[in-house]
Amino acid sequence: MRLLAPALLTAAVVLSACGTTEAPSSAPSQSAGEPVTVTDSRGKEVTLDSPATKVVALEWAEAETVASLGVMPVGVADVAGYRTWDSASPLADDVKDVGKRNEPSVDSIVALDPDLVIMPKGRDETLAGQLEQYVPVVVTEASDASGNLDRLREDTRMIAKAIGRSAEAEQLLSEMDAAFADGRAAVEAKGATGTPFVMADGWLEGSTVAIRPFGKGSLVSEAAEAVGLKNAWTGEVDPQWGLGATDVEGLTALTDPKTFLVYSASEDDVFTTGLAGNPVWQRLPFVVNKKVVKLEPGTWTFGGPRSVIAIAEQFVKAATA
């Protein structure tokens, strides 16, 4: 899989969530017979005759969130990719694939006769208009490096309102906050508050390993900072996703011996196969000190609250080992 959402590079990305998942509840927390209106990231008011029960999600974070709130999507873009990269909220076997995340099939979506399509901001600008000829569409913010956890809360609440699961959303967000609080306490008890970290994913470009650091403002960084850790990457990042670009030589700027590296690779693990024999890599402090941690397969670094919980827990484990 090559990451579509982050608008920095055309590269492979990270895995996604571990964590606990509960069987979706069939009983909504809001009345099924009442109209519901949400205002999406476009500033557009979208009114549904009743909370949506047949939902198509065109991005994995949105699919994860819908499933986490107790409504199994009827359709998801790139179902196989979701099952590889996002294990936070597993999809049912009968969820239909509606095409690629950057190029979903309008015909496949419409054929499912959904009540609602949820898609992220920044995709094909004409797609929402095409779909709205047949079905209501809400567009999430998807990412904002000026405040990604706040953005996540807003997206989650908007999705929840549209599907009649606002009470479930508040419970889910409370679980996320509790995970942060527990993580901070564990980090503090270990004397590890303020420990520097660097988070990255990567891929091969010919024989060279391209590395994408997750800088301040990325969702992963905000989750790690929420448990008391400090992002050591200070290079330039993009304003939406908080992602940068470097190579192994660029990592030599990270000289603090307390720094640990976390990386993701649900498919090709270039940090093992592409860098194992690299002399620059072998001299990096976190490699020398054996402070390199791979996120569990299925930990999606651009996901919903359950993915964020999984990320926070793994960072705490790494910092307190």
Protein backbone atom coordinates (compact mmCIF):
# COMPACT_ATOMS: atom_id res chain seq x y z
CA MET A 1 0.00 0.00 0.00
CA ARG A 2 1.11 3.51 -0.72
CA LEU A 3 -0.30 6.19 1.51
CA LEU A 4 -2.75 8.48 -0.20
CA ALA A 5 -4.00 10.68 2.59
CA PRO A 6 -0.82 12.50 3.63
CA ALA A 7 -0.19 15.04 0.93
CA LEU A 8 3.58 15.00 1.19
CA LEU A 9 4.91 12.04 -0.71
CA THR A 10 3.58 9.07 -2.60
CA ALA A 11 4.88 6.54 -0.20
CA ALA A 12 4.14 3.64 1.90
CA VAL A 13 2.86 4.27 5.32
CA VAL A 14 2.19 2.86 8.54
CA LEU A 15 0.17 0.34 10.16
CA SER A 16 -2.55 0.57 12.48
CA ALA A 17 -4.13 -0.13 15.62
CA CYS A 18 -4.12 -2.97 17.95
CA GLY A 19 -6.33 -2.52 20.87
CA THR A 20 -9.59 -3.80 22.11
CA THR A 21 -12.68 -3.78 19.96
CA GLU A 22 -16.22 -4.54 20.94
CA ALA A 23 -18.94 -5.99 18.78
CA PRO A 24 -20.92 -3.17 17.18
CA SER A 25 -24.14 -2.39 18.98
CA SER A 26 -27.27 -2.46 16.88
CA ALA A 27 -29.17 0.03 19.03
CA PRO A 28 -28.41 3.70 18.25
CA SER A 29 -28.18 6.22 21.07
CA GLN A 30 -30.28 8.72 19.08
CA SER A 31 -33.81 8.32 17.79
CA ALA A 32 -33.85 6.62 14.39
CA GLY A 33 -36.92 8.54 13.25
CA GLU A 34 -35.70 12.09 13.73
CA PRO A 35 -33.91 14.21 11.10
CA VAL A 36 -30.29 15.05 11.82
CA THR A 37 -28.17 17.92 10.48
CA VAL A 38 -24.39 18.11 10.58
CA THR A 39 -22.00 20.79 9.33
CA ASP A 40 -18.99 19.24 7.64
CA SER A 41 -15.47 20.51 6.97
CA ARG A 42 -16.68 22.40 3.91
CA GLY A 43 -18.98 24.43 6.14
CA LYS A 44 -21.87 22.69 4.40
CA GLU A 45 -24.98 21.67 6.32
CA VAL A 46 -26.03 18.14 5.46
CA THR A 47 -29.49 17.05 6.61
CA LEU A 48 -30.54 13.41 6.78
CA ASP A 49 -34.11 12.24 7.28
CA SER A 50 -32.83 10.06 10.13
CA PRO A 51 -29.38 8.92 11.38
CA ALA A 52 -27.59 6.94 8.70
CA THR A 53 -27.41 3.16 9.07
CA LYS A 54 -26.00 2.26 5.62
CA VAL A 55 -22.69 4.08 5.42
CA VAL A 56 -19.91 4.03 2.84
CA ALA A 57 -16.51 5.29 4.05
CA LEU A 58 -13.88 6.34 1.52
CA GLU A 59 -10.96 6.57 3.95
CA TRP A 60 -9.76 4.13 6.58
CA ALA A 61 -9.90 6.52 9.56
CA GLU A 62 -13.54 7.23 8.78
CA ALA A 63 -14.30 3.53 8.31
CA GLU A 64 -12.59 2.73 11.61
CA THR A 65 -14.55 5.45 13.41
CA VAL A 66 -17.91 4.36 12.05
CA ALA A 67 -17.22 0.75 13.03
CA SER A 68 -15.92 1.79 16.45
CA LEU A 69 -19.18 3.61 17.09
CA GLY A 70 -21.23 0.49 16.43
CA VAL A 71 -22.29 0.88 12.79
CA MET A 72 -20.62 -1.50 10.36
CA PRO A 73 -20.04 0.26 7.02
CA VAL A 74 -21.66 -1.37 4.01
CA GLY A 75 -18.81 -0.24 1.79
CA VAL A 76 -15.19 0.88 2.26
CA ALA A 77 -12.52 1.96 -0.20
CA ASP A 78 -9.71 -0.61 -0.43
CA VAL A 79 -11.01 -3.17 2.05
CA ALA A 80 -7.92 -5.37 1.70
CA GLY A 81 -5.65 -2.45 2.51
CA TYR A 82 -7.74 -1.56 5.55
CA ARG A 83 -7.40 -5.09 6.88
CA THR A 84 -3.62 -4.86 6.52
CA TRP A 85 -3.11 -1.37 7.91
CA ASP A 86 -5.92 -0.80 10.41
CA SER A 87 -6.82 -3.49 12.91
CA ALA A 88 -8.38 -1.15 15.49
CA SER A 89 -11.96 -1.93 14.43
CA PRO A 90 -12.15 -4.99 12.17
CA LEU A 91 -14.55 -4.95 9.24
CA ALA A 92 -17.22 -7.61 8.78
CA ASP A 93 -16.67 -10.15 6.03
CA ASP A 94 -19.54 -8.79 3.96
CA VAL A 95 -18.30 -5.19 3.73
CA LYS A 96 -18.05 -4.35 0.03
CA ASP A 97 -14.97 -2.86 -1.61
CA VAL A 98 -15.83 0.31 -3.54
CA GLY A 99 -12.50 0.87 -5.25
CA LYS A 100 -9.29 2.71 -4.52
CA ARG A 101 -9.07 5.35 -1.82
CA ASN A 102 -7.92 7.96 -4.34
CA GLU A 103 -10.24 6.70 -7.06
CA PRO A 104 -13.37 5.04 -5.68
CA SER A 105 -16.06 3.79 -8.02
CA VAL A 106 -19.14 6.00 -8.02
CA ASP A 107 -21.13 3.15 -9.57
CA SER A 108 -20.07 0.72 -6.83
CA ILE A 109 -20.97 3.22 -4.13
CA VAL A 110 -24.38 4.05 -5.56
CA ALA A 111 -25.16 0.37 -6.11
CA LEU A 112 -25.02 -0.15 -2.33
CA ASP A 113 -27.87 2.37 -1.90
CA PRO A 114 -26.21 3.98 1.15
CA ASP A 115 -27.83 6.55 3.42
CA LEU A 116 -24.54 8.45 3.66
CA VAL A 117 -21.04 8.62 2.19
CA ILE A 118 -18.21 9.86 4.42
CA MET A 119 -15.05 11.05 2.71
CA PRO A 120 -11.95 13.05 3.74
CA LYS A 121 -11.09 16.59 2.78
CA GLY A 122 -8.44 16.88 0.10
CA ARG A 123 -9.52 14.11 -2.24
CA ASP A 124 -10.82 14.62 -5.77
CA GLU A 125 -12.69 17.92 -5.48
CA THR A 126 -15.30 16.77 -8.00
CA LEU A 127 -16.08 13.47 -6.26
CA ALA A 128 -18.35 14.88 -3.56
CA GLY A 129 -20.41 16.68 -6.19
CA GLN A 130 -20.73 13.54 -8.29
CA LEU A 131 -21.88 11.48 -5.32
CA GLU A 132 -24.28 14.12 -4.06
CA GLN A 133 -26.39 13.58 -7.16
CA TYR A 134 -27.34 10.24 -5.58
CA VAL A 135 -26.58 10.23 -1.86
CA PRO A 136 -25.78 12.66 1.00
CA VAL A 137 -22.06 13.22 1.56
CA VAL A 138 -20.19 14.56 4.57
CA VAL A 139 -16.53 15.55 4.32
CA THR A 140 -14.24 15.24 7.34
CA GLU A 141 -11.27 17.51 8.03
CA ALA A 142 -9.09 14.35 8.02
CA SER A 143 -5.96 16.02 9.43
CA ASP A 144 -4.74 19.38 10.71
CA ALA A 145 -1.22 19.73 12.07
CA SER A 146 -2.20 22.83 14.02
CA GLY A 147 -4.28 20.66 16.35
CA ASN A 148 -4.80 17.07 15.28
CA LEU A 149 -6.32 15.69 18.48
CA ASP A 150 -8.86 18.53 18.55
CA ARG A 151 -9.54 17.86 14.88
CA LEU A 152 -10.00 14.17 15.62
CA ARG A 153 -12.55 14.93 18.30
CA GLU A 154 -14.49 17.17 15.92
CA ASP A 155 -14.48 14.62 13.10
CA THR A 156 -15.53 11.85 15.49
CA ARG A 157 -18.43 13.88 16.89
CA MET A 158 -19.60 14.92 13.43
CA ILE A 159 -19.57 11.32 12.18
CA ALA A 160 -21.30 10.16 15.35
CA LYS A 161 -24.09 12.70 15.01
CA ALA A 162 -24.70 11.66 11.40
CA ILE A 163 -25.07 8.00 12.37
CA GLY A 164 -26.95 8.54 15.63
CA ARG A 165 -24.11 7.54 17.93
CA SER A 166 -23.20 10.70 19.83
CA ALA A 167 -23.27 9.01 23.25
CA GLU A 168 -20.98 6.28 21.94
CA ALA A 169 -18.61 8.93 20.58
CA GLU A 170 -18.30 10.59 23.97
CA GLN A 171 -17.56 7.22 25.54
CA LEU A 172 -14.93 6.47 22.89
CA LEU A 173 -13.25 9.85 23.36
CA SER A 174 -13.33 9.36 27.12
CA GLU A 175 -11.53 6.05 26.65
CA MET A 176 -8.89 7.85 24.60
CA ASP A 177 -8.41 10.50 27.28
CA ALA A 178 -8.19 7.80 29.96
CA ALA A 179 -5.48 6.06 27.93
CA PHE A 180 -3.54 9.34 27.81
CA ALA A 181 -3.91 9.84 31.56
CA ASP A 182 -2.85 6.27 32.34
CA GLY A 183 0.07 6.61 29.95
CA ARG A 184 1.27 9.88 31.48
CA ALA A 185 1.14 8.32 34.93
CA ALA A 186 3.16 5.30 33.80
CA VAL A 187 5.75 7.47 32.05
CA GLU A 188 6.06 9.73 35.08
CA ALA A 189 6.36 6.79 37.47
CA LYS A 190 9.27 5.49 35.38
CA GLY A 191 10.96 8.92 35.40
CA ALA A 192 10.61 9.04 31.63
CA THR A 193 8.60 12.26 31.22
CA GLY A 194 10.11 14.34 28.43
CA THR A 195 11.96 11.41 26.85
CA PRO A 196 12.71 12.33 23.21
CA PHE A 197 11.35 10.16 20.41
CA VAL A 198 11.35 10.14 16.65
CA MET A 199 8.63 8.46 14.64
CA ALA A 200 8.96 7.55 10.97
CA ASP A 201 7.93 5.29 8.17
CA GLY A 202 9.83 4.64 4.98
CA TRP A 203 10.11 2.96 1.61
CA LEU A 204 12.68 2.11 -1.02
CA GLU A 205 13.36 4.49 -3.89
CA GLY A 206 15.61 2.34 -6.03
CA SER A 207 18.36 1.30 -3.64
CA THR A 208 17.85 4.31 -1.33
CA VAL A 209 15.61 4.28 1.73
CA ALA A 210 13.37 7.36 1.85
CA ILE A 211 12.30 8.20 5.39
CA ARG A 212 9.23 10.16 6.39
CA PRO A 213 9.44 11.59 9.93
CA PHE A 214 6.23 12.37 11.79
CA GLY A 215 6.86 15.85 13.10
CA LYS A 216 5.12 17.96 15.68
CA GLY A 217 1.46 18.28 14.76
CA SER A 218 1.14 14.82 13.26
CA LEU A 219 -1.50 12.67 14.93
CA VAL A 220 1.15 10.23 16.18
CA SER A 221 3.21 13.03 17.67
CA GLU A 222 0.23 14.51 19.49
CA ALA A 223 -0.65 11.09 20.92
CA ALA A 224 2.94 10.58 22.12
CA GLU A 225 3.13 14.08 23.56
CA ALA A 226 -0.18 13.48 25.36
CA VAL A 227 1.54 10.77 27.43
CA GLY A 228 4.44 13.06 28.33
CA LEU A 229 7.04 12.40 25.61
CA LYS A 230 8.87 14.91 23.39
CA ASN A 231 9.18 14.83 19.61
CA ALA A 232 12.87 15.14 18.70
CA TRP A 233 12.28 15.78 14.99
CA THR A 234 12.56 19.51 14.27
CA GLY A 235 12.80 19.40 10.48
CA GLU A 236 10.25 20.94 8.15
CA VAL A 237 6.84 19.27 7.97
CA ASP A 238 3.71 19.95 5.96
CA PRO A 239 0.87 21.92 7.60
CA GLN A 240 -1.87 19.33 7.17
CA TRP A 241 -0.30 16.04 8.19
CA GLY A 242 2.83 17.12 10.08
CA LEU A 243 5.01 14.90 7.89
CA GLY A 244 8.56 15.53 6.73
CA ALA A 245 11.07 13.95 4.39
CA THR A 246 14.66 12.85 4.94
CA ASP A 247 17.12 10.01 4.42
CA VAL A 248 19.28 8.04 6.82
CA GLU A 249 21.92 10.79 6.84
CA GLY A 250 19.25 13.25 7.98
CA LEU A 251 18.75 11.17 11.12
CA THR A 252 22.30 11.96 12.25
CA ALA A 253 20.95 15.26 13.62
CA LEU A 254 19.35 13.18 16.41
CA THR A 255 22.24 12.93 18.85
CA ASP A 256 20.56 12.62 22.27
CA PRO A 257 21.32 9.10 23.51
CA LYS A 258 17.97 8.98 25.30
CA THR A 259 16.07 9.26 21.99
CA PHE A 260 14.14 6.21 20.86
CA LEU A 261 12.88 5.54 17.34
CA VAL A 262 9.43 4.17 16.59
CA TYR A 263 8.63 3.13 13.04
CA SER A 264 5.76 1.55 11.17
CA ALA A 265 5.73 -1.07 8.45
CA SER A 266 2.68 -3.26 7.95
CA GLU A 267 4.14 -4.45 4.66
CA ASP A 268 7.78 -3.96 3.55
CA ASP A 269 10.01 -3.32 6.58
CA VAL A 270 12.71 -1.15 4.99
CA PHE A 271 14.16 -0.26 8.38
CA THR A 272 15.23 -3.89 8.63
CA THR A 273 15.83 -4.91 5.02
CA GLY A 274 17.03 -1.60 3.58
CA LEU A 275 19.07 -0.19 6.46
CA ALA A 276 20.46 -3.21 8.30
CA GLY A 277 23.87 -2.99 6.64
CA ASN A 278 24.02 0.78 6.33
CA PRO A 279 27.03 2.13 8.31
CA VAL A 280 25.33 5.48 8.98
CA TRP A 281 22.28 3.70 10.39
CA GLN A 282 24.42 1.44 12.55
CA ARG A 283 26.06 4.47 14.22
CA LEU A 284 22.82 6.26 15.12
CA PRO A 285 22.43 6.50 18.93
CA PHE A 286 19.05 4.77 19.06
CA VAL A 287 20.41 1.90 16.95
CA VAL A 288 23.55 1.58 19.05
CA ASN A 289 21.45 1.68 22.24
CA LYS A 290 18.89 -0.77 20.84
CA LYS A 291 16.07 1.75 21.18
CA VAL A 292 14.32 0.99 17.89
CA VAL A 293 10.69 -0.11 18.15
CA LYS A 294 8.40 -1.30 15.38
CA LEU A 295 4.71 -0.54 15.81
CA GLU A 296 2.51 -3.59 15.87
CA PRO A 297 1.17 -4.56 12.43
CA GLY A 298 -2.22 -2.99 11.88
CA THR A 299 -1.44 0.23 13.80
CA TRP A 300 -2.79 2.93 11.52
CA THR A 301 -1.02 6.21 12.17
CA PHE A 302 -3.76 8.27 10.51
CA GLY A 303 -6.70 6.57 12.17
CA GLY A 304 -9.53 7.23 14.61
CA PRO A 305 -9.62 7.20 18.42
CA ARG A 306 -9.01 3.45 18.73
CA SER A 307 -5.89 3.74 16.60
CA VAL A 308 -4.71 6.66 18.71
CA ILE A 309 -5.19 4.61 21.89
CA ALA A 310 -3.09 1.81 20.39
CA ILE A 311 -0.36 4.27 19.38
CA ALA A 312 -0.25 5.91 22.82
CA GLU A 313 -0.03 2.53 24.55
CA GLN A 314 2.85 1.41 22.36
CA PHE A 315 4.78 4.64 22.92
CA VAL A 316 4.34 4.27 26.67
CA LYS A 317 5.63 0.72 26.50
CA ALA A 318 8.67 1.83 24.51
CA ALA A 319 9.44 4.75 26.84
CA THR A 320 9.12 2.71 30.01
CA ALA A 321 10.89 -0.49 28.88
